[in-house]
Every structure is written in C-alpha cells, then in structure tokens.
Amino acid sequence: MPTAARLLPATGGGQSCWELFHENSKLGRIPPRRTAAPATPPSAFLGCPAFELPAAQPFDAVVIPPRPIGIMRPGRIWRDTLAALLLRSSGRVAGAAPPSALEVWFHATSIDGMPAGLYRFDGANARVLLVRAADLGTRLAAALSEPELASRSALQFFIVADLARLASRYGERGYRYALVEAGRIARDLDLVAAALGLLAITTGEFHDREIDALFGLDGLATSALLMVAVGKTGRGPERREPAKLGSLQRGRRRRRRGRR
C-alpha cells in the first residue's frame, strides 16, 4: 500500500532538501497542504511608467536558424527586437503555472527610446513597466557568479516566480510548476534570440538574495529563478530579421535534392 507523502521534514533522518522537496511535491490522494501567503498585488506597479511594445510576428511562424557564432557583446537594442523576445516567449505549457504566476523582468541600458533601468513585462497589455530608472549594471554584476555577463550582454532577463500564488493554488507541487515554466520561458528566449541573430546564455549562477533585494522582491513569496543574458554577436549584421517558414521549407527541399 503506497505511503502518504510526508508533509513535514522527518527529524534526525539526515535527508537532503531535494528528497524532501521531491516527496512533498508529489501528487497524492490526500489534499495538498496549501499556504495563505499573500501574492504581490497588481496595484504595486500602478505608478510605473509604461512603454508599449510593437506587434510581433507569431512564434509559430518563426523558424529557428542555426545559432549565431561569436563573442557576446553589448549594443543598442531596438524596441521591435525587445517585443519579439518578450511576446514570442510568452506562450505557456499546458497545465503548468498560471500566466501571471511567472513574470519576466529585465535590466537594460541601451533600448531605443527607453531609459536605462529595471523593467517588468506586462504580457496582458503588451507593454513593459519601468520599475526602477537607474543603470544597475555594476550591482547586477556583483550578484552574478560570472560578473562579465552583465557587461557583455545588452539585456539581462530574469524569470521571477510568484511562489505564494502557486502554493495557494497547487500546494507544494506549485514549486515544481514554477521550475518547469521558468525553464520553458528561458528556452524560448534562447530560441527567439537565435532567430534574431542574437546570442543568449541561461544561468542560475547568481546570489539569489542579492538579486531579490535589488529587484525589491521578498525572496520567498516572490523570487528570481533564472537569468537569460542576451547580447549581440561579435560578427555579423547589426540587425537580422527572423527567417520565415517558407524559406526554411525551400531550404529543406534543396538539401533533400542535394542528398539524392
């Protein structure tokens, strides 16, 4: 007969944290324990300046070309490039975290027509909100295990989870959903960056408490999970449009004829 999931750590058992988390986040026949921790209210961002994003081509009409080769470097990012990165990576995995439980924040200093600062992506309204108007590059670099990522990249995306909301809805299993969805968003940012001729590096190597403090997050109810640094390649054109589906299909037909 299967045993019930442990809802509290066993004492004196010498268990690792990952074992306790994996056990506690399993689906079971007993209702999961839920928390009542408050989520961040939307009203917290009402006073932030908003910057509208231009419409982006749907992600399923974009073909991912081979990844650019070169050394990542900073540079000016156009707003339509930013829109493509954010809007094309905002799809969801069915059954995973609800849309507003995970958010994309980013720091940038060279976006066309936008001031340097820390931004929060408001996907529901296709815009970004300026949370903090300041060049935080030095402080951001100090919180990274590889500080040079901050200076080599043009954009530093952070995937932030509203863990309190997930726990109130799914119990401890909500933490699993947060990790799954964070990985999906990071992957899509990577793929869309490649389609735009940009380089992307995903990392979890940062000092969590320092990043959360820098962003004004409490580190428990809301916390940063992953970082995706995006920059230009050291060689190649300054701007590159995403490849269209038809061009990929023609390329595939040419390759098939070449193998015959």
C-alpha atoms as a PDB file:
ATOM      1  CA  MET A   1       0.000   0.000   0.000  1.00  0.00           C
ATOM      2  CA  PRO A   2       1.528   3.344  -1.016  1.00  0.00           C
ATOM      3  CA  THR A   3       2.545   5.595   1.803  1.00  0.00           C
ATOM      4  CA  ALA A   4       1.207   9.111   2.153  1.00  0.00           C
ATOM      5  CA  ALA A   5       3.517  11.941   1.176  1.00  0.00           C
ATOM      6  CA  ARG A   6       5.483  13.498   4.006  1.00  0.00           C
ATOM      7  CA  LEU A   7       4.156  16.965   4.662  1.00  0.00           C
ATOM      8  CA  LEU A   8       6.795  17.810   7.241  1.00  0.00           C
ATOM      9  CA  PRO A   9      10.514  17.005   7.235  1.00  0.00           C
ATOM     10  CA  ALA A  10      11.404  13.906   9.217  1.00  0.00           C
ATOM     11  CA  THR A  11      13.644  14.638  12.184  1.00  0.00           C
ATOM     12  CA  GLY A  12      17.007  13.002  12.576  1.00  0.00           C
ATOM     13  CA  GLY A  13      16.755  11.203   9.227  1.00  0.00           C
ATOM     14  CA  GLY A  14      19.594  13.060   7.544  1.00  0.00           C
ATOM     15  CA  GLN A  15      17.502  13.641   4.419  1.00  0.00           C
ATOM     16  CA  SER A  16      18.631  16.064   1.759  1.00  0.00           C
ATOM     17  CA  CYS A  17      16.491  19.042   0.836  1.00  0.00           C
ATOM     18  CA  TRP A  18      15.907  17.688  -2.668  1.00  0.00           C
ATOM     19  CA  GLU A  19      14.494  14.449  -1.238  1.00  0.00           C
ATOM     20  CA  LEU A  20      12.057  16.337   0.980  1.00  0.00           C
ATOM     21  CA  PHE A  21      11.012  18.640  -1.836  1.00  0.00           C
ATOM     22  CA  HIS A  22      10.509  15.782  -4.288  1.00  0.00           C
ATOM     23  CA  GLU A  23       8.429  13.842  -1.780  1.00  0.00           C
ATOM     24  CA  ASN A  24       6.396  16.829  -0.617  1.00  0.00           C
ATOM     25  CA  SER A  25       5.584  17.955  -4.173  1.00  0.00           C
ATOM     26  CA  LYS A  26       4.152  14.621  -5.329  1.00  0.00           C
ATOM     27  CA  LEU A  27       0.505  14.369  -6.293  1.00  0.00           C
ATOM     28  CA  GLY A  28      -1.372  12.183  -3.846  1.00  0.00           C
ATOM     29  CA  ARG A  29      -4.844  11.046  -2.870  1.00  0.00           C
ATOM     30  CA  ILE A  30      -4.844  13.376   0.117  1.00  0.00           C
ATOM     31  CA  PRO A  31      -5.418  17.113  -0.439  1.00  0.00           C
ATOM     32  CA  PRO A  32      -2.132  19.047  -0.591  1.00  0.00           C
ATOM     33  CA  ARG A  33      -1.312  21.441   2.177  1.00  0.00           C
ATOM     34  CA  ARG A  34      -1.805  24.971   0.927  1.00  0.00           C
ATOM     35  CA  THR A  35      -0.431  28.226   2.200  1.00  0.00           C
ATOM     36  CA  ALA A  36      -2.100  31.579   2.576  1.00  0.00           C
ATOM     37  CA  ALA A  37       0.962  33.722   1.860  1.00  0.00           C
ATOM     38  CA  PRO A  38      -0.097  36.930   0.080  1.00  0.00           C
ATOM     39  CA  ALA A  39       0.829  37.409  -3.567  1.00  0.00           C
ATOM     40  CA  THR A  40       2.148  40.699  -4.945  1.00  0.00           C
ATOM     41  CA  PRO A  41      -0.911  42.857  -5.774  1.00  0.00           C
ATOM     42  CA  PRO A  42      -1.042  44.362  -9.296  1.00  0.00           C
ATOM     43  CA  SER A  43      -1.578  47.763  -7.675  1.00  0.00           C
ATOM     44  CA  ALA A  44       2.096  47.720  -6.628  1.00  0.00           C
ATOM     45  CA  PHE A  45       3.044  48.661 -10.210  1.00  0.00           C
ATOM     46  CA  LEU A  46       0.307  51.228 -10.920  1.00  0.00           C
ATOM     47  CA  GLY A  47       2.667  54.198 -10.731  1.00  0.00           C
ATOM     48  CA  CYS A  48       5.359  52.744 -13.024  1.00  0.00           C
ATOM     49  CA  PRO A  49       5.943  54.430 -16.412  1.00  0.00           C
ATOM     50  CA  ALA A  50       4.700  52.155 -19.206  1.00  0.00           C
ATOM     51  CA  PHE A  51       6.258  51.585 -22.640  1.00  0.00           C
ATOM     52  CA  GLU A  52       4.081  49.954 -25.297  1.00  0.00           C
ATOM     53  CA  LEU A  53       5.582  47.155 -27.384  1.00  0.00           C
ATOM     54  CA  PRO A  54       5.030  46.908 -31.150  1.00  0.00           C
ATOM     55  CA  ALA A  55       3.204  43.869 -32.516  1.00  0.00           C
ATOM     56  CA  ALA A  56       5.382  40.816 -33.077  1.00  0.00           C
ATOM     57  CA  GLN A  57       5.085  38.021 -35.612  1.00  0.00           C
ATOM     58  CA  PRO A  58       3.512  34.898 -34.007  1.00  0.00           C
ATOM     59  CA  PHE A  59       6.113  32.495 -32.690  1.00  0.00           C
ATOM     60  CA  ASP A  60       4.813  29.513 -34.685  1.00  0.00           C
ATOM     61  CA  ALA A  61       5.566  31.409 -37.910  1.00  0.00           C
ATOM     62  CA  VAL A  62       9.216  31.793 -36.995  1.00  0.00           C
ATOM     63  CA  VAL A  63      11.901  29.319 -37.937  1.00  0.00           C
ATOM     64  CA  ILE A  64      14.919  28.964 -35.707  1.00  0.00           C
ATOM     65  CA  PRO A  65      18.121  29.207 -37.776  1.00  0.00           C
ATOM     66  CA  PRO A  66      21.481  27.849 -36.602  1.00  0.00           C
ATOM     67  CA  ARG A  67      22.717  29.698 -33.532  1.00  0.00           C
ATOM     68  CA  PRO A  68      24.991  32.670 -34.236  1.00  0.00           C
ATOM     69  CA  ILE A  69      28.683  32.123 -33.637  1.00  0.00           C
ATOM     70  CA  GLY A  70      30.856  34.718 -31.997  1.00  0.00           C
ATOM     71  CA  ILE A  71      31.546  36.511 -28.749  1.00  0.00           C
ATOM     72  CA  MET A  72      28.644  38.156 -26.983  1.00  0.00           C
ATOM     73  CA  ARG A  73      28.815  41.913 -26.851  1.00  0.00           C
ATOM     74  CA  PRO A  74      26.509  44.704 -25.690  1.00  0.00           C
ATOM     75  CA  GLY A  75      24.874  47.142 -28.076  1.00  0.00           C
ATOM     76  CA  ARG A  76      21.712  49.096 -28.775  1.00  0.00           C
ATOM     77  CA  ILE A  77      18.537  47.003 -28.876  1.00  0.00           C
ATOM     78  CA  TRP A  78      15.600  48.188 -30.968  1.00  0.00           C
ATOM     79  CA  ARG A  79      12.171  48.117 -29.393  1.00  0.00           C
ATOM     80  CA  ASP A  80      10.788  45.729 -32.020  1.00  0.00           C
ATOM     81  CA  THR A  81      13.598  43.299 -31.136  1.00  0.00           C
ATOM     82  CA  LEU A  82      12.638  43.563 -27.472  1.00  0.00           C
ATOM     83  CA  ALA A  83       8.991  42.976 -28.407  1.00  0.00           C
ATOM     84  CA  ALA A  84       9.918  39.863 -30.384  1.00  0.00           C
ATOM     85  CA  LEU A  85      11.900  38.442 -27.471  1.00  0.00           C
ATOM     86  CA  LEU A  86       9.144  39.040 -24.931  1.00  0.00           C
ATOM     87  CA  LEU A  87       5.998  38.342 -26.942  1.00  0.00           C
ATOM     88  CA  ARG A  88       7.288  35.253 -28.721  1.00  0.00           C
ATOM     89  CA  SER A  89       8.467  33.649 -25.495  1.00  0.00           C
ATOM     90  CA  SER A  90       5.257  34.303 -23.557  1.00  0.00           C
ATOM     91  CA  GLY A  91       3.384  31.138 -24.603  1.00  0.00           C
ATOM     92  CA  ARG A  92       2.566  28.608 -21.904  1.00  0.00           C
ATOM     93  CA  VAL A  93       2.965  24.916 -21.271  1.00  0.00           C
ATOM     94  CA  ALA A  94      -0.488  23.355 -20.919  1.00  0.00           C
ATOM     95  CA  GLY A  95      -1.276  22.537 -17.296  1.00  0.00           C
ATOM     96  CA  ALA A  96       1.718  24.422 -15.916  1.00  0.00           C
ATOM     97  CA  ALA A  97       1.802  27.608 -13.877  1.00  0.00           C
ATOM     98  CA  PRO A  98      -0.943  30.196 -14.470  1.00  0.00           C
ATOM     99  CA  PRO A  99       0.198  33.077 -16.726  1.00  0.00           C
ATOM    100  CA  SER A 100       0.632  35.724 -14.029  1.00  0.00           C
ATOM    101  CA  ALA A 101       2.456  33.417 -11.602  1.00  0.00           C
ATOM    102  CA  LEU A 102       5.702  33.759 -13.563  1.00  0.00           C
ATOM    103  CA  GLU A 103       6.940  37.061 -14.913  1.00  0.00           C
ATOM    104  CA  VAL A 104       9.858  38.261 -16.987  1.00  0.00           C
ATOM    105  CA  TRP A 105      11.841  41.180 -15.603  1.00  0.00           C
ATOM    106  CA  PHE A 106      14.870  42.630 -17.340  1.00  0.00           C
ATOM    107  CA  HIS A 107      17.596  45.181 -16.933  1.00  0.00           C
ATOM    108  CA  ALA A 108      18.747  47.204 -19.930  1.00  0.00           C
ATOM    109  CA  THR A 109      20.714  50.374 -20.591  1.00  0.00           C
ATOM    110  CA  SER A 110      20.532  50.733 -24.400  1.00  0.00           C
ATOM    111  CA  ILE A 111      16.987  50.171 -25.659  1.00  0.00           C
ATOM    112  CA  ASP A 112      15.919  52.563 -28.381  1.00  0.00           C
ATOM    113  CA  GLY A 113      13.675  55.250 -26.904  1.00  0.00           C
ATOM    114  CA  MET A 114      13.664  53.854 -23.357  1.00  0.00           C
ATOM    115  CA  PRO A 115      15.710  54.919 -20.312  1.00  0.00           C
ATOM    116  CA  ALA A 116      18.181  52.631 -18.566  1.00  0.00           C
ATOM    117  CA  GLY A 117      16.629  50.692 -15.752  1.00  0.00           C
ATOM    118  CA  LEU A 118      14.840  47.640 -14.425  1.00  0.00           C
ATOM    119  CA  TYR A 119      11.648  46.662 -16.253  1.00  0.00           C
ATOM    120  CA  ARG A 120       8.766  44.259 -15.696  1.00  0.00           C
ATOM    121  CA  PHE A 121       6.985  42.715 -18.698  1.00  0.00           C
ATOM    122  CA  ASP A 122       3.218  43.196 -18.594  1.00  0.00           C
ATOM    123  CA  GLY A 123       2.196  40.493 -21.065  1.00  0.00           C
ATOM    124  CA  ALA A 124      -1.541  41.054 -20.669  1.00  0.00           C
ATOM    125  CA  ASN A 125      -1.191  44.575 -22.112  1.00  0.00           C
ATOM    126  CA  ALA A 126       1.845  44.024 -24.393  1.00  0.00           C
ATOM    127  CA  ARG A 127       3.947  46.613 -22.629  1.00  0.00           C
ATOM    128  CA  VAL A 128       6.822  46.916 -20.182  1.00  0.00           C
ATOM    129  CA  LEU A 129       6.788  48.850 -16.912  1.00  0.00           C
ATOM    130  CA  LEU A 130       9.792  50.790 -15.679  1.00  0.00           C
ATOM    131  CA  VAL A 131      10.139  49.604 -12.089  1.00  0.00           C
ATOM    132  CA  ARG A 132      13.411  51.377 -11.353  1.00  0.00           C
ATOM    133  CA  ALA A 133      15.051  54.049 -13.508  1.00  0.00           C
ATOM    134  CA  ALA A 134      18.783  53.537 -12.988  1.00  0.00           C
ATOM    135  CA  ASP A 135      21.778  51.813 -14.529  1.00  0.00           C
ATOM    136  CA  LEU A 136      22.105  48.812 -12.206  1.00  0.00           C
ATOM    137  CA  GLY A 137      24.855  47.107 -14.210  1.00  0.00           C
ATOM    138  CA  THR A 138      27.531  47.319 -11.525  1.00  0.00           C
ATOM    139  CA  ARG A 139      25.296  45.996  -8.764  1.00  0.00           C
ATOM    140  CA  LEU A 140      23.914  43.322 -11.039  1.00  0.00           C
ATOM    141  CA  ALA A 141      27.414  42.165 -11.972  1.00  0.00           C
ATOM    142  CA  ALA A 142      28.380  41.920  -8.307  1.00  0.00           C
ATOM    143  CA  ALA A 143      25.482  39.492  -7.726  1.00  0.00           C
ATOM    144  CA  LEU A 144      26.488  37.152 -10.582  1.00  0.00           C
ATOM    145  CA  SER A 145      28.949  34.273 -10.324  1.00  0.00           C
ATOM    146  CA  GLU A 146      30.177  35.421 -13.749  1.00  0.00           C
ATOM    147  CA  PRO A 147      30.135  39.219 -13.410  1.00  0.00           C
ATOM    148  CA  GLU A 148      31.261  39.724 -17.018  1.00  0.00           C
ATOM    149  CA  LEU A 149      27.851  38.524 -18.241  1.00  0.00           C
ATOM    150  CA  ALA A 150      26.381  41.854 -17.175  1.00  0.00           C
ATOM    151  CA  SER A 151      28.873  43.887 -19.194  1.00  0.00           C
ATOM    152  CA  ARG A 152      28.967  41.562 -22.219  1.00  0.00           C
ATOM    153  CA  SER A 153      25.189  41.429 -22.696  1.00  0.00           C
ATOM    154  CA  ALA A 154      22.696  44.038 -23.843  1.00  0.00           C
ATOM    155  CA  LEU A 155      19.747  42.627 -21.892  1.00  0.00           C
ATOM    156  CA  GLN A 156      19.621  40.673 -18.663  1.00  0.00           C
ATOM    157  CA  PHE A 157      16.294  38.846 -18.358  1.00  0.00           C
ATOM    158  CA  PHE A 158      15.212  37.346 -15.036  1.00  0.00           C
ATOM    159  CA  ILE A 159      12.329  34.912 -14.656  1.00  0.00           C
ATOM    160  CA  VAL A 160      10.507  35.778 -11.449  1.00  0.00           C
ATOM    161  CA  ALA A 161       8.011  33.421  -9.808  1.00  0.00           C
ATOM    162  CA  ASP A 162       5.095  34.332  -7.583  1.00  0.00           C
ATOM    163  CA  LEU A 163       5.636  31.275  -5.408  1.00  0.00           C
ATOM    164  CA  ALA A 164       2.991  32.292  -2.871  1.00  0.00           C
ATOM    165  CA  ARG A 165       0.292  32.286  -5.535  1.00  0.00           C
ATOM    166  CA  LEU A 166       1.408  28.918  -6.873  1.00  0.00           C
ATOM    167  CA  ALA A 167       1.455  27.409  -3.388  1.00  0.00           C
ATOM    168  CA  SER A 168      -2.021  28.751  -2.616  1.00  0.00           C
ATOM    169  CA  ARG A 169      -3.363  27.113  -5.782  1.00  0.00           C
ATOM    170  CA  TYR A 170      -1.363  23.887  -6.090  1.00  0.00           C
ATOM    171  CA  GLY A 171       0.205  23.306  -2.695  1.00  0.00           C
ATOM    172  CA  GLU A 172       3.866  22.358  -2.667  1.00  0.00           C
ATOM    173  CA  ARG A 173       3.595  20.927  -6.170  1.00  0.00           C
ATOM    174  CA  GLY A 174       3.280  24.516  -7.364  1.00  0.00           C
ATOM    175  CA  TYR A 175       7.025  24.858  -6.882  1.00  0.00           C
ATOM    176  CA  ARG A 176       7.567  22.143  -9.498  1.00  0.00           C
ATOM    177  CA  TYR A 177       5.338  24.020 -11.920  1.00  0.00           C
ATOM    178  CA  ALA A 178       7.357  27.168 -11.327  1.00  0.00           C
ATOM    179  CA  LEU A 179      10.596  25.389 -12.254  1.00  0.00           C
ATOM    180  CA  VAL A 180       9.059  23.777 -15.358  1.00  0.00           C
ATOM    181  CA  GLU A 181       7.627  27.055 -16.625  1.00  0.00           C
ATOM    182  CA  ALA A 182      10.800  29.005 -15.836  1.00  0.00           C
ATOM    183  CA  GLY A 183      12.811  26.539 -17.917  1.00  0.00           C
ATOM    184  CA  ARG A 184      10.318  26.814 -20.765  1.00  0.00           C
ATOM    185  CA  ILE A 185      10.489  30.619 -20.800  1.00  0.00           C
ATOM    186  CA  ALA A 186      14.304  30.534 -20.714  1.00  0.00           C
ATOM    187  CA  ARG A 187      14.386  28.058 -23.592  1.00  0.00           C
ATOM    188  CA  ASP A 188      12.042  30.194 -25.710  1.00  0.00           C
ATOM    189  CA  LEU A 189      14.070  33.327 -25.029  1.00  0.00           C
ATOM    190  CA  ASP A 190      17.133  31.400 -26.195  1.00  0.00           C
ATOM    191  CA  LEU A 191      15.402  30.191 -29.383  1.00  0.00           C
ATOM    192  CA  VAL A 192      13.924  33.572 -30.279  1.00  0.00           C
ATOM    193  CA  ALA A 193      17.279  35.267 -29.649  1.00  0.00           C
ATOM    194  CA  ALA A 194      18.882  32.843 -32.100  1.00  0.00           C
ATOM    195  CA  ALA A 195      16.188  33.616 -34.682  1.00  0.00           C
ATOM    196  CA  LEU A 196      17.053  37.307 -34.339  1.00  0.00           C
ATOM    197  CA  GLY A 197      20.776  36.683 -34.730  1.00  0.00           C
ATOM    198  CA  LEU A 198      21.485  37.308 -31.050  1.00  0.00           C
ATOM    199  CA  LEU A 199      23.412  35.247 -28.523  1.00  0.00           C
ATOM    200  CA  ALA A 200      21.778  34.055 -25.289  1.00  0.00           C
ATOM    201  CA  ILE A 201      23.211  32.465 -22.148  1.00  0.00           C
ATOM    202  CA  THR A 202      20.927  30.956 -19.497  1.00  0.00           C
ATOM    203  CA  THR A 203      22.264  30.649 -15.979  1.00  0.00           C
ATOM    204  CA  GLY A 204      21.138  30.121 -12.422  1.00  0.00           C
ATOM    205  CA  GLU A 205      24.536  31.125 -11.079  1.00  0.00           C
ATOM    206  CA  PHE A 206      23.673  34.254  -9.151  1.00  0.00           C
ATOM    207  CA  HIS A 207      23.338  35.206  -5.498  1.00  0.00           C
ATOM    208  CA  ASP A 208      19.587  34.903  -5.018  1.00  0.00           C
ATOM    209  CA  ARG A 209      19.195  37.173  -2.016  1.00  0.00           C
ATOM    210  CA  GLU A 210      21.162  39.974  -3.663  1.00  0.00           C
ATOM    211  CA  ILE A 211      19.148  39.817  -6.887  1.00  0.00           C
ATOM    212  CA  ASP A 212      15.836  39.670  -4.996  1.00  0.00           C
ATOM    213  CA  ALA A 213      16.862  42.655  -2.857  1.00  0.00           C
ATOM    214  CA  LEU A 214      17.936  44.608  -5.952  1.00  0.00           C
ATOM    215  CA  PHE A 215      14.533  43.960  -7.557  1.00  0.00           C
ATOM    216  CA  GLY A 216      12.572  44.690  -4.391  1.00  0.00           C
ATOM    217  CA  LEU A 217      11.346  41.085  -4.066  1.00  0.00           C
ATOM    218  CA  ASP A 218      10.927  39.460  -0.673  1.00  0.00           C
ATOM    219  CA  GLY A 219      12.785  36.324  -1.806  1.00  0.00           C
ATOM    220  CA  LEU A 220      10.130  33.934  -0.512  1.00  0.00           C
ATOM    221  CA  ALA A 221       6.682  34.815  -1.818  1.00  0.00           C
ATOM    222  CA  THR A 222       8.325  36.179  -4.975  1.00  0.00           C
ATOM    223  CA  SER A 223      11.824  35.327  -6.133  1.00  0.00           C
ATOM    224  CA  ALA A 224      14.047  35.233  -9.225  1.00  0.00           C
ATOM    225  CA  LEU A 225      14.694  31.702 -10.544  1.00  0.00           C
ATOM    226  CA  LEU A 226      16.732  32.025 -13.733  1.00  0.00           C
ATOM    227  CA  MET A 227      18.657  34.604 -15.723  1.00  0.00           C
ATOM    228  CA  VAL A 228      18.980  34.798 -19.515  1.00  0.00           C
ATOM    229  CA  ALA A 229      21.642  37.201 -20.776  1.00  0.00           C
ATOM    230  CA  VAL A 230      21.115  38.314 -24.383  1.00  0.00           C
ATOM    231  CA  GLY A 231      23.650  40.199 -26.469  1.00  0.00           C
ATOM    232  CA  LYS A 232      24.809  40.845 -29.970  1.00  0.00           C
ATOM    233  CA  THR A 233      27.343  38.687 -31.701  1.00  0.00           C
ATOM    234  CA  GLY A 234      30.829  39.995 -32.299  1.00  0.00           C
ATOM    235  CA  ARG A 235      30.446  39.448 -36.016  1.00  0.00           C
ATOM    236  CA  GLY A 236      27.584  39.552 -38.463  1.00  0.00           C
ATOM    237  CA  PRO A 237      24.962  42.180 -39.365  1.00  0.00           C
ATOM    238  CA  GLU A 238      23.773  44.722 -36.851  1.00  0.00           C
ATOM    239  CA  ARG A 239      20.135  43.739 -37.364  1.00  0.00           C
ATOM    240  CA  ARG A 240      18.651  40.476 -38.575  1.00  0.00           C
ATOM    241  CA  GLU A 241      15.010  39.626 -39.248  1.00  0.00           C
ATOM    242  CA  PRO A 242      13.609  36.229 -38.256  1.00  0.00           C
ATOM    243  CA  ALA A 243      13.544  33.614 -41.001  1.00  0.00           C
ATOM    244  CA  LYS A 244      10.099  32.825 -42.457  1.00  0.00           C
ATOM    245  CA  LEU A 245       8.592  29.364 -42.593  1.00  0.00           C
ATOM    246  CA  GLY A 246       8.581  29.297 -46.395  1.00  0.00           C
ATOM    247  CA  SER A 247      12.317  29.970 -46.597  1.00  0.00           C
ATOM    248  CA  LEU A 248      13.033  27.047 -44.286  1.00  0.00           C
ATOM    249  CA  GLN A 249      10.831  24.697 -46.311  1.00  0.00           C
ATOM    250  CA  ARG A 250      12.596  25.727 -49.526  1.00  0.00           C
ATOM    251  CA  GLY A 251      15.944  25.159 -47.836  1.00  0.00           C
ATOM    252  CA  ARG A 252      14.875  21.684 -46.724  1.00  0.00           C
ATOM    253  CA  ARG A 253      13.802  20.785 -50.265  1.00  0.00           C
ATOM    254  CA  ARG A 254      17.170  21.932 -51.623  1.00  0.00           C
ATOM    255  CA  ARG A 255      19.020  19.849 -49.037  1.00  0.00           C
ATOM    256  CA  ARG A 256      16.931  16.765 -49.893  1.00  0.00           C
ATOM    257  CA  ARG A 257      17.700  17.181 -53.625  1.00  0.00           C
ATOM    258  CA  GLY A 258      21.368  17.522 -52.794  1.00  0.00           C
ATOM    259  CA  ARG A 259      21.402  14.187 -50.981  1.00  0.00           C
ATOM    260  CA  ARG A 260      19.836  12.288 -53.893  1.00  0.00           C
END
